[in-house]
Amino acid sequence: MPPIEHEQTIEAPQADVWRFIVDPAALSAWFGADAWLEPELGAAVRFRFADGRERRGAVTEVETGRRLTWRWRELHGAGLTGLVVGEPSSVTIDLRPAEDAGATIVTITEIADHPAGAAEARG
């Protein structure tokens, strides 16, 4: 999966945007999914989308007010034999001030995580 990046300017101060992205109700509305996460290193991440897809993972980086990263993967099915686990990826939300005072540039990047040794096996 090639990296996916989305950038948007939000007309609000960076501190307000941070509070928005770490609020489960606001994050749910933004991603179009039921979202649960705590902005703490190692905290669980869970997104359930309307079509039944679910992604779970853990927070891997927190720079309060500036950056939030989590690693997740998609889950399909249920139980020990019916569960299919997708490839992992990492999502980073970066916040930085815009040139327009009081606005914030939000960059969301998702990058596929490659298992250790995969690059050597392909190369």
PDB file of N, CA and C in Angstrom:
ATOM      1  N   MET A   1       0.844  -1.166   0.000  1.00  0.00           N
ATOM      2  CA  MET A   1       0.000   0.000   0.000  1.00  0.00           C
ATOM      3  C   MET A   1       0.895   1.237   0.000  1.00  0.00           C
ATOM      4  N   PRO A   2       0.730   2.108  -0.989  1.00  0.00           N
ATOM      5  CA  PRO A   2       1.510   3.357  -0.971  1.00  0.00           C
ATOM      6  C   PRO A   2       1.010   4.255   0.150  1.00  0.00           C
ATOM      7  N   PRO A   3       1.866   5.154   0.642  1.00  0.00           N
ATOM      8  CA  PRO A   3       1.414   6.075   1.694  1.00  0.00           C
ATOM      9  C   PRO A   3       0.210   6.885   1.234  1.00  0.00           C
ATOM     10  N   ILE A   4      -0.716   7.107   2.137  1.00  0.00           N
ATOM     11  CA  ILE A   4      -1.900   7.926   1.864  1.00  0.00           C
ATOM     12  C   ILE A   4      -1.764   9.167   2.732  1.00  0.00           C
ATOM     13  N   GLU A   5      -1.905  10.355   2.103  1.00  0.00           N
ATOM     14  CA  GLU A   5      -1.769  11.592   2.872  1.00  0.00           C
ATOM     15  C   GLU A   5      -2.915  12.527   2.536  1.00  0.00           C
ATOM     16  N   HIS A   6      -3.456  13.116   3.565  1.00  0.00           N
ATOM     17  CA  HIS A   6      -4.531  14.104   3.415  1.00  0.00           C
ATOM     18  C   HIS A   6      -4.147  15.315   4.261  1.00  0.00           C
ATOM     19  N   GLU A   7      -4.232  16.510   3.663  1.00  0.00           N
ATOM     20  CA  GLU A   7      -3.910  17.727   4.400  1.00  0.00           C
ATOM     21  C   GLU A   7      -5.088  18.684   4.304  1.00  0.00           C
ATOM     22  N   GLN A   8      -5.383  19.328   5.426  1.00  0.00           N
ATOM     23  CA  GLN A   8      -6.524  20.235   5.486  1.00  0.00           C
ATOM     24  C   GLN A   8      -6.205  21.359   6.455  1.00  0.00           C
ATOM     25  N   THR A   9      -6.653  22.560   6.124  1.00  0.00           N
ATOM     26  CA  THR A   9      -6.521  23.693   7.038  1.00  0.00           C
ATOM     27  C   THR A   9      -7.846  23.864   7.757  1.00  0.00           C
ATOM     28  N   ILE A  10      -7.767  23.918   9.081  1.00  0.00           N
ATOM     29  CA  ILE A  10      -8.953  24.101   9.906  1.00  0.00           C
ATOM     30  C   ILE A  10      -8.860  25.472  10.568  1.00  0.00           C
ATOM     31  N   GLU A  11      -9.925  26.230  10.468  1.00  0.00           N
ATOM     32  CA  GLU A  11      -9.956  27.590  11.014  1.00  0.00           C
ATOM     33  C   GLU A  11     -10.204  27.546  12.515  1.00  0.00           C
ATOM     34  N   ALA A  12      -9.219  27.053  13.235  1.00  0.00           N
ATOM     35  CA  ALA A  12      -9.278  26.992  14.702  1.00  0.00           C
ATOM     36  C   ALA A  12      -7.857  26.916  15.227  1.00  0.00           C
ATOM     37  N   PRO A  13      -7.632  27.388  16.447  1.00  0.00           N
ATOM     38  CA  PRO A  13      -6.297  27.297  17.039  1.00  0.00           C
ATOM     39  C   PRO A  13      -5.863  25.836  17.219  1.00  0.00           C
ATOM     40  N   GLN A  14      -4.580  25.617  17.199  1.00  0.00           N
ATOM     41  CA  GLN A  14      -4.018  24.270  17.288  1.00  0.00           C
ATOM     42  C   GLN A  14      -4.494  23.528  18.550  1.00  0.00           C
ATOM     43  N   ALA A  15      -4.571  24.211  19.672  1.00  0.00           N
ATOM     44  CA  ALA A  15      -5.014  23.571  20.919  1.00  0.00           C
ATOM     45  C   ALA A  15      -6.453  23.066  20.802  1.00  0.00           C
ATOM     46  N   ASP A  16      -7.313  23.834  20.120  1.00  0.00           N
ATOM     47  CA  ASP A  16      -8.705  23.410  19.929  1.00  0.00           C
ATOM     48  C   ASP A  16      -8.781  22.210  18.999  1.00  0.00           C
ATOM     49  N   VAL A  17      -7.978  22.216  17.943  1.00  0.00           N
ATOM     50  CA  VAL A  17      -7.971  21.086  17.004  1.00  0.00           C
ATOM     51  C   VAL A  17      -7.480  19.828  17.715  1.00  0.00           C
ATOM     52  N   TRP A  18      -6.459  19.961  18.567  1.00  0.00           N
ATOM     53  CA  TRP A  18      -5.965  18.797  19.324  1.00  0.00           C
ATOM     54  C   TRP A  18      -7.085  18.220  20.192  1.00  0.00           C
ATOM     55  N   ARG A  19      -7.787  19.086  20.913  1.00  0.00           N
ATOM     56  CA  ARG A  19      -8.887  18.599  21.760  1.00  0.00           C
ATOM     57  C   ARG A  19      -9.932  17.889  20.924  1.00  0.00           C
ATOM     58  N   PHE A  20     -10.172  18.355  19.712  1.00  0.00           N
ATOM     59  CA  PHE A  20     -11.131  17.736  18.809  1.00  0.00           C
ATOM     60  C   PHE A  20     -10.680  16.331  18.412  1.00  0.00           C
ATOM     61  N   ILE A  21      -9.395  16.181  18.016  1.00  0.00           N
ATOM     62  CA  ILE A  21      -8.964  14.868  17.511  1.00  0.00           C
ATOM     63  C   ILE A  21      -8.837  13.822  18.608  1.00  0.00           C
ATOM     64  N   VAL A  22      -8.722  14.230  19.854  1.00  0.00           N
ATOM     65  CA  VAL A  22      -8.629  13.237  20.929  1.00  0.00           C
ATOM     66  C   VAL A  22      -9.976  13.018  21.625  1.00  0.00           C
ATOM     67  N   ASP A  23     -11.019  13.709  21.172  1.00  0.00           N
ATOM     68  CA  ASP A  23     -12.369  13.497  21.697  1.00  0.00           C
ATOM     69  C   ASP A  23     -13.030  12.378  20.889  1.00  0.00           C
ATOM     70  N   PRO A  24     -13.412  11.262  21.525  1.00  0.00           N
ATOM     71  CA  PRO A  24     -13.970  10.123  20.776  1.00  0.00           C
ATOM     72  C   PRO A  24     -15.175  10.482  19.905  1.00  0.00           C
ATOM     73  N   ALA A  25     -16.082  11.320  20.385  1.00  0.00           N
ATOM     74  CA  ALA A  25     -17.261  11.683  19.586  1.00  0.00           C
ATOM     75  C   ALA A  25     -16.858  12.477  18.342  1.00  0.00           C
ATOM     76  N   ALA A  26     -15.968  13.430  18.507  1.00  0.00           N
ATOM     77  CA  ALA A  26     -15.528  14.241  17.367  1.00  0.00           C
ATOM     78  C   ALA A  26     -14.715  13.395  16.382  1.00  0.00           C
ATOM     79  N   LEU A  27     -13.821  12.556  16.916  1.00  0.00           N
ATOM     80  CA  LEU A  27     -13.010  11.687  16.058  1.00  0.00           C
ATOM     81  C   LEU A  27     -13.904  10.724  15.281  1.00  0.00           C
ATOM     82  N   SER A  28     -14.944  10.215  15.931  1.00  0.00           N
ATOM     83  CA  SER A  28     -15.901   9.318  15.267  1.00  0.00           C
ATOM     84  C   SER A  28     -16.560  10.017  14.075  1.00  0.00           C
ATOM     85  N   ALA A  29     -17.003  11.233  14.294  1.00  0.00           N
ATOM     86  CA  ALA A  29     -17.651  11.982  13.213  1.00  0.00           C
ATOM     87  C   ALA A  29     -16.678  12.257  12.073  1.00  0.00           C
ATOM     88  N   TRP A  30     -15.439  12.587  12.413  1.00  0.00           N
ATOM     89  CA  TRP A  30     -14.439  12.926  11.402  1.00  0.00           C
ATOM     90  C   TRP A  30     -14.081  11.715  10.550  1.00  0.00           C
ATOM     91  N   PHE A  31     -13.903  10.552  11.174  1.00  0.00           N
ATOM     92  CA  PHE A  31     -13.516   9.349  10.447  1.00  0.00           C
ATOM     93  C   PHE A  31     -14.714   8.569   9.914  1.00  0.00           C
ATOM     94  N   GLY A  32     -15.933   8.933  10.292  1.00  0.00           N
ATOM     95  CA  GLY A  32     -17.110   8.195   9.844  1.00  0.00           C
ATOM     96  C   GLY A  32     -17.157   6.802  10.437  1.00  0.00           C
ATOM     97  N   ALA A  33     -16.771   6.679  11.695  1.00  0.00           N
ATOM     98  CA  ALA A  33     -16.712   5.387  12.380  1.00  0.00           C
ATOM     99  C   ALA A  33     -16.908   5.622  13.866  1.00  0.00           C
ATOM    100  N   ASP A  34     -17.285   4.548  14.582  1.00  0.00           N
ATOM    101  CA  ASP A  34     -17.261   4.634  16.040  1.00  0.00           C
ATOM    102  C   ASP A  34     -15.804   4.489  16.444  1.00  0.00           C
ATOM    103  N   ALA A  35     -15.231   5.528  17.052  1.00  0.00           N
ATOM    104  CA  ALA A  35     -13.799   5.540  17.366  1.00  0.00           C
ATOM    105  C   ALA A  35     -13.582   5.636  18.866  1.00  0.00           C
ATOM    106  N   TRP A  36     -12.621   4.849  19.340  1.00  0.00           N
ATOM    107  CA  TRP A  36     -12.214   4.899  20.733  1.00  0.00           C
ATOM    108  C   TRP A  36     -10.698   4.948  20.771  1.00  0.00           C
ATOM    109  N   LEU A  37     -10.161   5.926  21.468  1.00  0.00           N
ATOM    110  CA  LEU A  37      -8.722   5.974  21.719  1.00  0.00           C
ATOM    111  C   LEU A  37      -8.446   6.961  22.825  1.00  0.00           C
ATOM    112  N   GLU A  38      -7.392   6.699  23.548  1.00  0.00           N
ATOM    113  CA  GLU A  38      -6.889   7.619  24.555  1.00  0.00           C
ATOM    114  C   GLU A  38      -5.536   8.097  24.049  1.00  0.00           C
ATOM    115  N   PRO A  39      -5.244   9.389  24.124  1.00  0.00           N
ATOM    116  CA  PRO A  39      -3.962   9.884  23.630  1.00  0.00           C
ATOM    117  C   PRO A  39      -2.826   9.602  24.613  1.00  0.00           C
ATOM    118  N   GLU A  40      -2.623   8.312  24.894  1.00  0.00           N
ATOM    119  CA  GLU A  40      -1.569   7.869  25.804  1.00  0.00           C
ATOM    120  C   GLU A  40      -0.789   6.741  25.137  1.00  0.00           C
ATOM    121  N   LEU A  41       0.510   6.761  25.289  1.00  0.00           N
ATOM    122  CA  LEU A  41       1.368   5.736  24.708  1.00  0.00           C
ATOM    123  C   LEU A  41       0.902   4.347  25.140  1.00  0.00           C
ATOM    124  N   GLY A  42       0.676   3.467  24.169  1.00  0.00           N
ATOM    125  CA  GLY A  42       0.261   2.096  24.437  1.00  0.00           C
ATOM    126  C   GLY A  42      -1.234   1.900  24.591  1.00  0.00           C
ATOM    127  N   ALA A  43      -2.009   2.980  24.625  1.00  0.00           N
ATOM    128  CA  ALA A  43      -3.459   2.872  24.797  1.00  0.00           C
ATOM    129  C   ALA A  43      -4.097   2.198  23.584  1.00  0.00           C
ATOM    130  N   ALA A  44      -5.187   1.497  23.832  1.00  0.00           N
ATOM    131  CA  ALA A  44      -5.905   0.797  22.763  1.00  0.00           C
ATOM    132  C   ALA A  44      -6.570   1.787  21.813  1.00  0.00           C
ATOM    133  N   VAL A  45      -6.639   1.387  20.532  1.00  0.00           N
ATOM    134  CA  VAL A  45      -7.301   2.138  19.469  1.00  0.00           C
ATOM    135  C   VAL A  45      -8.307   1.187  18.831  1.00  0.00           C
ATOM    136  N   ARG A  46      -9.531   1.682  18.628  1.00  0.00           N
ATOM    137  CA  ARG A  46     -10.543   0.832  18.003  1.00  0.00           C
ATOM    138  C   ARG A  46     -11.470   1.700  17.171  1.00  0.00           C
ATOM    139  N   PHE A  47     -11.634   1.340  15.900  1.00  0.00           N
ATOM    140  CA  PHE A  47     -12.539   2.032  14.988  1.00  0.00           C
ATOM    141  C   PHE A  47     -13.474   0.984  14.386  1.00  0.00           C
ATOM    142  N   ARG A  48     -14.771   1.212  14.488  1.00  0.00           N
ATOM    143  CA  ARG A  48     -15.757   0.325  13.869  1.00  0.00           C
ATOM    144  C   ARG A  48     -16.525   1.155  12.845  1.00  0.00           C
ATOM    145  N   PHE A  49     -16.434   0.759  11.566  1.00  0.00           N
ATOM    146  CA  PHE A  49     -17.053   1.495  10.477  1.00  0.00           C
ATOM    147  C   PHE A  49     -18.466   0.987  10.224  1.00  0.00           C
ATOM    148  N   ALA A  50     -19.297   1.818   9.579  1.00  0.00           N
ATOM    149  CA  ALA A  50     -20.704   1.499   9.340  1.00  0.00           C
ATOM    150  C   ALA A  50     -20.885   0.218   8.522  1.00  0.00           C
ATOM    151  N   ASP A  51     -19.932  -0.099   7.648  1.00  0.00           N
ATOM    152  CA  ASP A  51     -20.055  -1.302   6.816  1.00  0.00           C
ATOM    153  C   ASP A  51     -19.612  -2.574   7.549  1.00  0.00           C
ATOM    154  N   GLY A  52     -19.296  -2.455   8.852  1.00  0.00           N
ATOM    155  CA  GLY A  52     -18.921  -3.618   9.648  1.00  0.00           C
ATOM    156  C   GLY A  52     -17.429  -3.839   9.791  1.00  0.00           C
ATOM    157  N   ARG A  53     -16.622  -3.142   8.977  1.00  0.00           N
ATOM    158  CA  ARG A  53     -15.171  -3.279   9.121  1.00  0.00           C
ATOM    159  C   ARG A  53     -14.742  -2.759  10.479  1.00  0.00           C
ATOM    160  N   GLU A  54     -13.704  -3.358  11.024  1.00  0.00           N
ATOM    161  CA  GLU A  54     -13.168  -2.906  12.296  1.00  0.00           C
ATOM    162  C   GLU A  54     -11.660  -2.880  12.210  1.00  0.00           C
ATOM    163  N   ARG A  55     -11.083  -1.847  12.794  1.00  0.00           N
ATOM    164  CA  ARG A  55      -9.625  -1.735  12.890  1.00  0.00           C
ATOM    165  C   ARG A  55      -9.275  -1.543  14.351  1.00  0.00           C
ATOM    166  N   ARG A  56      -8.251  -2.279  14.782  1.00  0.00           N
ATOM    167  CA  ARG A  56      -7.790  -2.185  16.173  1.00  0.00           C
ATOM    168  C   ARG A  56      -6.281  -2.030  16.200  1.00  0.00           C
ATOM    169  N   GLY A  57      -5.808  -1.402  17.266  1.00  0.00           N
ATOM    170  CA  GLY A  57      -4.372  -1.221  17.406  1.00  0.00           C
ATOM    171  C   GLY A  57      -4.034  -0.533  18.707  1.00  0.00           C
ATOM    172  N   ALA A  58      -2.913   0.197  18.677  1.00  0.00           N
ATOM    173  CA  ALA A  58      -2.428   0.874  19.876  1.00  0.00           C
ATOM    174  C   ALA A  58      -1.719   2.170  19.498  1.00  0.00           C
ATOM    175  N   VAL A  59      -1.794   3.130  20.402  1.00  0.00           N
ATOM    176  CA  VAL A  59      -1.106   4.406  20.227  1.00  0.00           C
ATOM    177  C   VAL A  59       0.397   4.169  20.374  1.00  0.00           C
ATOM    178  N   THR A  60       1.185   4.679  19.411  1.00  0.00           N
ATOM    179  CA  THR A  60       2.632   4.467  19.427  1.00  0.00           C
ATOM    180  C   THR A  60       3.432   5.750  19.637  1.00  0.00           C
ATOM    181  N   GLU A  61       2.772   6.915  19.488  1.00  0.00           N
ATOM    182  CA  GLU A  61       3.489   8.182  19.687  1.00  0.00           C
ATOM    183  C   GLU A  61       2.488   9.270  20.058  1.00  0.00           C
ATOM    184  N   VAL A  62       2.846  10.052  21.049  1.00  0.00           N
ATOM    185  CA  VAL A  62       2.017  11.191  21.449  1.00  0.00           C
ATOM    186  C   VAL A  62       2.923  12.381  21.722  1.00  0.00           C
ATOM    187  N   GLU A  63       2.702  13.461  21.008  1.00  0.00           N
ATOM    188  CA  GLU A  63       3.300  14.755  21.318  1.00  0.00           C
ATOM    189  C   GLU A  63       2.107  15.677  21.537  1.00  0.00           C
ATOM    190  N   THR A  64       1.683  15.790  22.777  1.00  0.00           N
ATOM    191  CA  THR A  64       0.456  16.503  23.107  1.00  0.00           C
ATOM    192  C   THR A  64       0.374  17.850  22.394  1.00  0.00           C
ATOM    193  N   GLY A  65      -0.752  18.051  21.717  1.00  0.00           N
ATOM    194  CA  GLY A  65      -0.988  19.295  21.002  1.00  0.00           C
ATOM    195  C   GLY A  65      -0.391  19.354  19.619  1.00  0.00           C
ATOM    196  N   ARG A  66       0.399  18.335  19.247  1.00  0.00           N
ATOM    197  CA  ARG A  66       1.106  18.384  17.970  1.00  0.00           C
ATOM    198  C   ARG A  66       1.002  17.117  17.126  1.00  0.00           C
ATOM    199  N   ARG A  67       1.153  15.936  17.717  1.00  0.00           N
ATOM    200  CA  ARG A  67       1.221  14.712  16.909  1.00  0.00           C
ATOM    201  C   ARG A  67       0.642  13.523  17.674  1.00  0.00           C
ATOM    202  N   LEU A  68      -0.096  12.687  16.931  1.00  0.00           N
ATOM    203  CA  LEU A  68      -0.649  11.457  17.472  1.00  0.00           C
ATOM    204  C   LEU A  68      -0.457  10.375  16.417  1.00  0.00           C
ATOM    205  N   THR A  69       0.141   9.252  16.822  1.00  0.00           N
ATOM    206  CA  THR A  69       0.355   8.136  15.900  1.00  0.00           C
ATOM    207  C   THR A  69      -0.172   6.860  16.530  1.00  0.00           C
ATOM    208  N   TRP A  70      -0.815   6.049  15.711  1.00  0.00           N
ATOM    209  CA  TRP A  70      -1.208   4.721  16.170  1.00  0.00           C
ATOM    210  C   TRP A  70      -0.937   3.703  15.075  1.00  0.00           C
ATOM    211  N   ARG A  71      -0.748   2.482  15.501  1.00  0.00           N
ATOM    212  CA  ARG A  71      -0.564   1.341  14.591  1.00  0.00           C
ATOM    213  C   ARG A  71      -1.824   0.506  14.714  1.00  0.00           C
ATOM    214  N   TRP A  72      -2.393   0.106  13.571  1.00  0.00           N
ATOM    215  CA  TRP A  72      -3.621  -0.672  13.590  1.00  0.00           C
ATOM    216  C   TRP A  72      -3.642  -1.662  12.450  1.00  0.00           C
ATOM    217  N   ARG A  73      -4.639  -2.537  12.492  1.00  0.00           N
ATOM    218  CA  ARG A  73      -4.883  -3.467  11.392  1.00  0.00           C
ATOM    219  C   ARG A  73      -6.366  -3.785  11.352  1.00  0.00           C
ATOM    220  N   GLU A  74      -6.821  -4.168  10.162  1.00  0.00           N
ATOM    221  CA  GLU A  74      -8.233  -4.482   9.979  1.00  0.00           C
ATOM    222  C   GLU A  74      -8.503  -5.916  10.416  1.00  0.00           C
ATOM    223  N   LEU A  75      -9.662  -6.128  11.031  1.00  0.00           N
ATOM    224  CA  LEU A  75     -10.095  -7.447  11.472  1.00  0.00           C
ATOM    225  C   LEU A  75     -11.396  -7.793  10.767  1.00  0.00           C
ATOM    226  N   HIS A  76     -11.503  -9.039  10.291  1.00  0.00           N
ATOM    227  CA  HIS A  76     -12.728  -9.537   9.648  1.00  0.00           C
ATOM    228  C   HIS A  76     -13.130 -10.824  10.343  1.00  0.00           C
ATOM    229  N   GLY A  77     -14.412 -11.018  10.529  1.00  0.00           N
ATOM    230  CA  GLY A  77     -14.894 -12.270  11.098  1.00  0.00           C
ATOM    231  C   GLY A  77     -14.781 -12.285  12.603  1.00  0.00           C
ATOM    232  N   ALA A  78     -14.893 -13.512  13.157  1.00  0.00           N
ATOM    233  CA  ALA A  78     -14.854 -13.657  14.612  1.00  0.00           C
ATOM    234  C   ALA A  78     -14.358 -15.045  14.974  1.00  0.00           C
ATOM    235  N   GLY A  79     -13.960 -15.202  16.219  1.00  0.00           N
ATOM    236  CA  GLY A  79     -13.515 -16.508  16.704  1.00  0.00           C
ATOM    237  C   GLY A  79     -12.106 -16.835  16.272  1.00  0.00           C
ATOM    238  N   LEU A  80     -11.618 -17.947  16.772  1.00  0.00           N
ATOM    239  CA  LEU A  80     -10.244 -18.345  16.470  1.00  0.00           C
ATOM    240  C   LEU A  80     -10.048 -18.783  15.034  1.00  0.00           C
ATOM    241  N   THR A  81     -11.016 -19.471  14.445  1.00  0.00           N
ATOM    242  CA  THR A  81     -10.823 -19.978  13.084  1.00  0.00           C
ATOM    243  C   THR A  81     -11.417 -19.063  12.021  1.00  0.00           C
ATOM    244  N   GLY A  82     -12.369 -18.189  12.391  1.00  0.00           N
ATOM    245  CA  GLY A  82     -13.010 -17.331  11.409  1.00  0.00           C
ATOM    246  C   GLY A  82     -12.449 -15.925  11.346  1.00  0.00           C
ATOM    247  N   LEU A  83     -11.457 -15.620  12.159  1.00  0.00           N
ATOM    248  CA  LEU A  83     -10.897 -14.271  12.209  1.00  0.00           C
ATOM    249  C   LEU A  83      -9.786 -14.117  11.176  1.00  0.00           C
ATOM    250  N   VAL A  84      -9.920 -13.099  10.335  1.00  0.00           N
ATOM    251  CA  VAL A  84      -8.886 -12.765   9.360  1.00  0.00           C
ATOM    252  C   VAL A  84      -8.298 -11.422   9.766  1.00  0.00           C
ATOM    253  N   VAL A  85      -6.985 -11.372   9.896  1.00  0.00           N
ATOM    254  CA  VAL A  85      -6.295 -10.167  10.331  1.00  0.00           C
ATOM    255  C   VAL A  85      -5.574  -9.541   9.143  1.00  0.00           C
ATOM    256  N   GLY A  86      -5.851  -8.263   8.885  1.00  0.00           N
ATOM    257  CA  GLY A  86      -5.233  -7.551   7.774  1.00  0.00           C
ATOM    258  C   GLY A  86      -3.810  -7.115   8.077  1.00  0.00           C
ATOM    259  N   GLU A  87      -3.182  -6.553   7.074  1.00  0.00           N
ATOM    260  CA  GLU A  87      -1.809  -6.060   7.215  1.00  0.00           C
ATOM    261  C   GLU A  87      -1.793  -4.805   8.091  1.00  0.00           C
ATOM    262  N   PRO A  88      -0.780  -4.643   8.908  1.00  0.00           N
ATOM    263  CA  PRO A  88      -0.714  -3.468   9.780  1.00  0.00           C
ATOM    264  C   PRO A  88      -0.301  -2.205   9.016  1.00  0.00           C
ATOM    265  N   SER A  89      -0.771  -1.078   9.538  1.00  0.00           N
ATOM    266  CA  SER A  89      -0.339   0.215   9.020  1.00  0.00           C
ATOM    267  C   SER A  89      -0.294   1.183  10.191  1.00  0.00           C
ATOM    268  N   SER A  90       0.366   2.309   9.971  1.00  0.00           N
ATOM    269  CA  SER A  90       0.460   3.352  10.993  1.00  0.00           C
ATOM    270  C   SER A  90      -0.189   4.619  10.477  1.00  0.00           C
ATOM    271  N   VAL A  91      -0.951   5.265  11.352  1.00  0.00           N
ATOM    272  CA  VAL A  91      -1.615   6.526  11.035  1.00  0.00           C
ATOM    273  C   VAL A  91      -1.010   7.607  11.926  1.00  0.00           C
ATOM    274  N   THR A  92      -0.609   8.714  11.315  1.00  0.00           N
ATOM    275  CA  THR A  92      -0.084   9.855  12.061  1.00  0.00           C
ATOM    276  C   THR A  92      -0.929  11.073  11.739  1.00  0.00           C
ATOM    277  N   ILE A  93      -1.348  11.771  12.786  1.00  0.00           N
ATOM    278  CA  ILE A  93      -2.030  13.055  12.630  1.00  0.00           C
ATOM    279  C   ILE A  93      -1.078  14.113  13.159  1.00  0.00           C
ATOM    280  N   ASP A  94      -0.621  14.987  12.263  1.00  0.00           N
ATOM    281  CA  ASP A  94       0.285  16.089  12.619  1.00  0.00           C
ATOM    282  C   ASP A  94      -0.482  17.398  12.571  1.00  0.00           C
ATOM    283  N   LEU A  95      -0.246  18.242  13.550  1.00  0.00           N
ATOM    284  CA  LEU A  95      -0.833  19.579  13.600  1.00  0.00           C
ATOM    285  C   LEU A  95       0.284  20.612  13.576  1.00  0.00           C
ATOM    286  N   ARG A  96       0.087  21.676  12.794  1.00  0.00           N
ATOM    287  CA  ARG A  96       1.048  22.775  12.804  1.00  0.00           C
ATOM    288  C   ARG A  96       0.289  24.060  12.495  1.00  0.00           C
ATOM    289  N   PRO A  97       0.798  25.180  13.007  1.00  0.00           N
ATOM    290  CA  PRO A  97       0.110  26.453  12.769  1.00  0.00           C
ATOM    291  C   PRO A  97       0.131  26.818  11.285  1.00  0.00           C
ATOM    292  N   ALA A  98      -0.965  27.379  10.830  1.00  0.00           N
ATOM    293  CA  ALA A  98      -1.036  27.883   9.454  1.00  0.00           C
ATOM    294  C   ALA A  98      -0.514  29.317   9.436  1.00  0.00           C
ATOM    295  N   GLU A  99      -0.215  29.817   8.258  1.00  0.00           N
ATOM    296  CA  GLU A  99       0.232  31.212   8.136  1.00  0.00           C
ATOM    297  C   GLU A  99      -0.849  32.166   8.618  1.00  0.00           C
ATOM    298  N   ASP A 100      -2.101  31.789   8.382  1.00  0.00           N
ATOM    299  CA  ASP A 100      -3.238  32.573   8.847  1.00  0.00           C
ATOM    300  C   ASP A 100      -3.360  32.360  10.358  1.00  0.00           C
ATOM    301  N   ALA A 101      -3.115  33.399  11.128  1.00  0.00           N
ATOM    302  CA  ALA A 101      -3.149  33.276  12.591  1.00  0.00           C
ATOM    303  C   ALA A 101      -4.481  32.687  13.041  1.00  0.00           C
ATOM    304  N   GLY A 102      -4.408  31.749  13.938  1.00  0.00           N
ATOM    305  CA  GLY A 102      -5.615  31.130  14.468  1.00  0.00           C
ATOM    306  C   GLY A 102      -6.074  29.911  13.709  1.00  0.00           C
ATOM    307  N   ALA A 103      -5.409  29.557  12.617  1.00  0.00           N
ATOM    308  CA  ALA A 103      -5.770  28.364  11.838  1.00  0.00           C
ATOM    309  C   ALA A 103      -4.693  27.290  12.036  1.00  0.00           C
ATOM    310  N   THR A 104      -5.069  26.049  11.764  1.00  0.00           N
ATOM    311  CA  THR A 104      -4.169  24.912  11.956  1.00  0.00           C
ATOM    312  C   THR A 104      -4.164  24.038  10.714  1.00  0.00           C
ATOM    313  N   ILE A 105      -2.970  23.623  10.301  1.00  0.00           N
ATOM    314  CA  ILE A 105      -2.843  22.663   9.201  1.00  0.00           C
ATOM    315  C   ILE A 105      -2.789  21.274   9.814  1.00  0.00           C
ATOM    316  N   VAL A 106      -3.700  20.420   9.361  1.00  0.00           N
ATOM    317  CA  VAL A 106      -3.784  19.037   9.838  1.00  0.00           C
ATOM    318  C   VAL A 106      -3.348  18.127   8.699  1.00  0.00           C
ATOM    319  N   THR A 107      -2.345  17.286   8.972  1.00  0.00           N
ATOM    320  CA  THR A 107      -1.889  16.310   7.979  1.00  0.00           C
ATOM    321  C   THR A 107      -2.090  14.924   8.560  1.00  0.00           C
ATOM    322  N   ILE A 108      -2.837  14.092   7.832  1.00  0.00           N
ATOM    323  CA  ILE A 108      -3.060  12.700   8.230  1.00  0.00           C
ATOM    324  C   ILE A 108      -2.340  11.826   7.218  1.00  0.00           C
ATOM    325  N   THR A 109      -1.461  10.965   7.716  1.00  0.00           N
ATOM    326  CA  THR A 109      -0.687  10.083   6.855  1.00  0.00           C
ATOM    327  C   THR A 109      -0.852   8.648   7.323  1.00  0.00           C
ATOM    328  N   GLU A 110      -1.148   7.750   6.383  1.00  0.00           N
ATOM    329  CA  GLU A 110      -1.190   6.319   6.700  1.00  0.00           C
ATOM    330  C   GLU A 110      -0.139   5.621   5.849  1.00  0.00           C
ATOM    331  N   ILE A 111       0.698   4.841   6.529  1.00  0.00           N
ATOM    332  CA  ILE A 111       1.799   4.135   5.877  1.00  0.00           C
ATOM    333  C   ILE A 111       1.725   2.666   6.259  1.00  0.00           C
ATOM    334  N   ALA A 112       1.854   1.784   5.269  1.00  0.00           N
ATOM    335  CA  ALA A 112       1.871   0.346   5.531  1.00  0.00           C
ATOM    336  C   ALA A 112       3.099  -0.002   6.333  1.00  0.00           C
ATOM    337  N   ASP A 113       2.915  -0.851   7.342  1.00  0.00           N
ATOM    338  CA  ASP A 113       4.054  -1.374   8.110  1.00  0.00           C
ATOM    339  C   ASP A 113       4.485  -2.666   7.446  1.00  0.00           C
ATOM    340  N   HIS A 114       5.760  -2.814   7.253  1.00  0.00           N
ATOM    341  CA  HIS A 114       6.291  -4.033   6.630  1.00  0.00           C
ATOM    342  C   HIS A 114       6.919  -4.900   7.695  1.00  0.00           C
ATOM    343  N   PRO A 115       6.609  -6.192   7.674  1.00  0.00           N
ATOM    344  CA  PRO A 115       7.239  -7.085   8.657  1.00  0.00           C
ATOM    345  C   PRO A 115       8.760  -7.043   8.538  1.00  0.00           C
ATOM    346  N   ALA A 116       9.440  -7.244   9.650  1.00  0.00           N
ATOM    347  CA  ALA A 116      10.911  -7.272   9.652  1.00  0.00           C
ATOM    348  C   ALA A 116      11.403  -8.275   8.627  1.00  0.00           C
ATOM    349  N   GLY A 117      12.324  -7.852   7.815  1.00  0.00           N
ATOM    350  CA  GLY A 117      12.913  -8.755   6.827  1.00  0.00           C
ATOM    351  C   GLY A 117      12.187  -8.757   5.494  1.00  0.00           C
ATOM    352  N   ALA A 118      11.013  -8.129   5.390  1.00  0.00           N
ATOM    353  CA  ALA A 118      10.262  -8.151   4.139  1.00  0.00           C
ATOM    354  C   ALA A 118      11.012  -7.445   3.016  1.00  0.00           C
ATOM    355  N   ALA A 119      11.678  -6.327   3.321  1.00  0.00           N
ATOM    356  CA  ALA A 119      12.408  -5.581   2.303  1.00  0.00           C
ATOM    357  C   ALA A 119      13.553  -6.436   1.745  1.00  0.00           C
ATOM    358  N   GLU A 120      14.240  -7.166   2.618  1.00  0.00           N
ATOM    359  CA  GLU A 120      15.346  -8.003   2.152  1.00  0.00           C
ATOM    360  C   GLU A 120      14.822  -9.141   1.299  1.00  0.00           C
ATOM    361  N   ALA A 121      13.653  -9.681   1.647  1.00  0.00           N
ATOM    362  CA  ALA A 121      13.087 -10.792   0.890  1.00  0.00           C
ATOM    363  C   ALA A 121      12.677 -10.354  -0.504  1.00  0.00           C
ATOM    364  N   ARG A 122      12.205  -9.067  -0.638  1.00  0.00           N
ATOM    365  CA  ARG A 122      11.788  -8.568  -1.943  1.00  0.00           C
ATOM    366  C   ARG A 122      12.978  -8.153  -2.790  1.00  0.00           C
ATOM    367  N   GLY A 123      14.051  -7.710  -2.133  1.00  0.00           N
ATOM    368  CA  GLY A 123      15.161  -7.092  -2.837  1.00  0.00           C
ATOM    369  C   GLY A 123      16.063  -8.083  -3.406  1.00  0.00           C
TER     370      GLY A 123
END
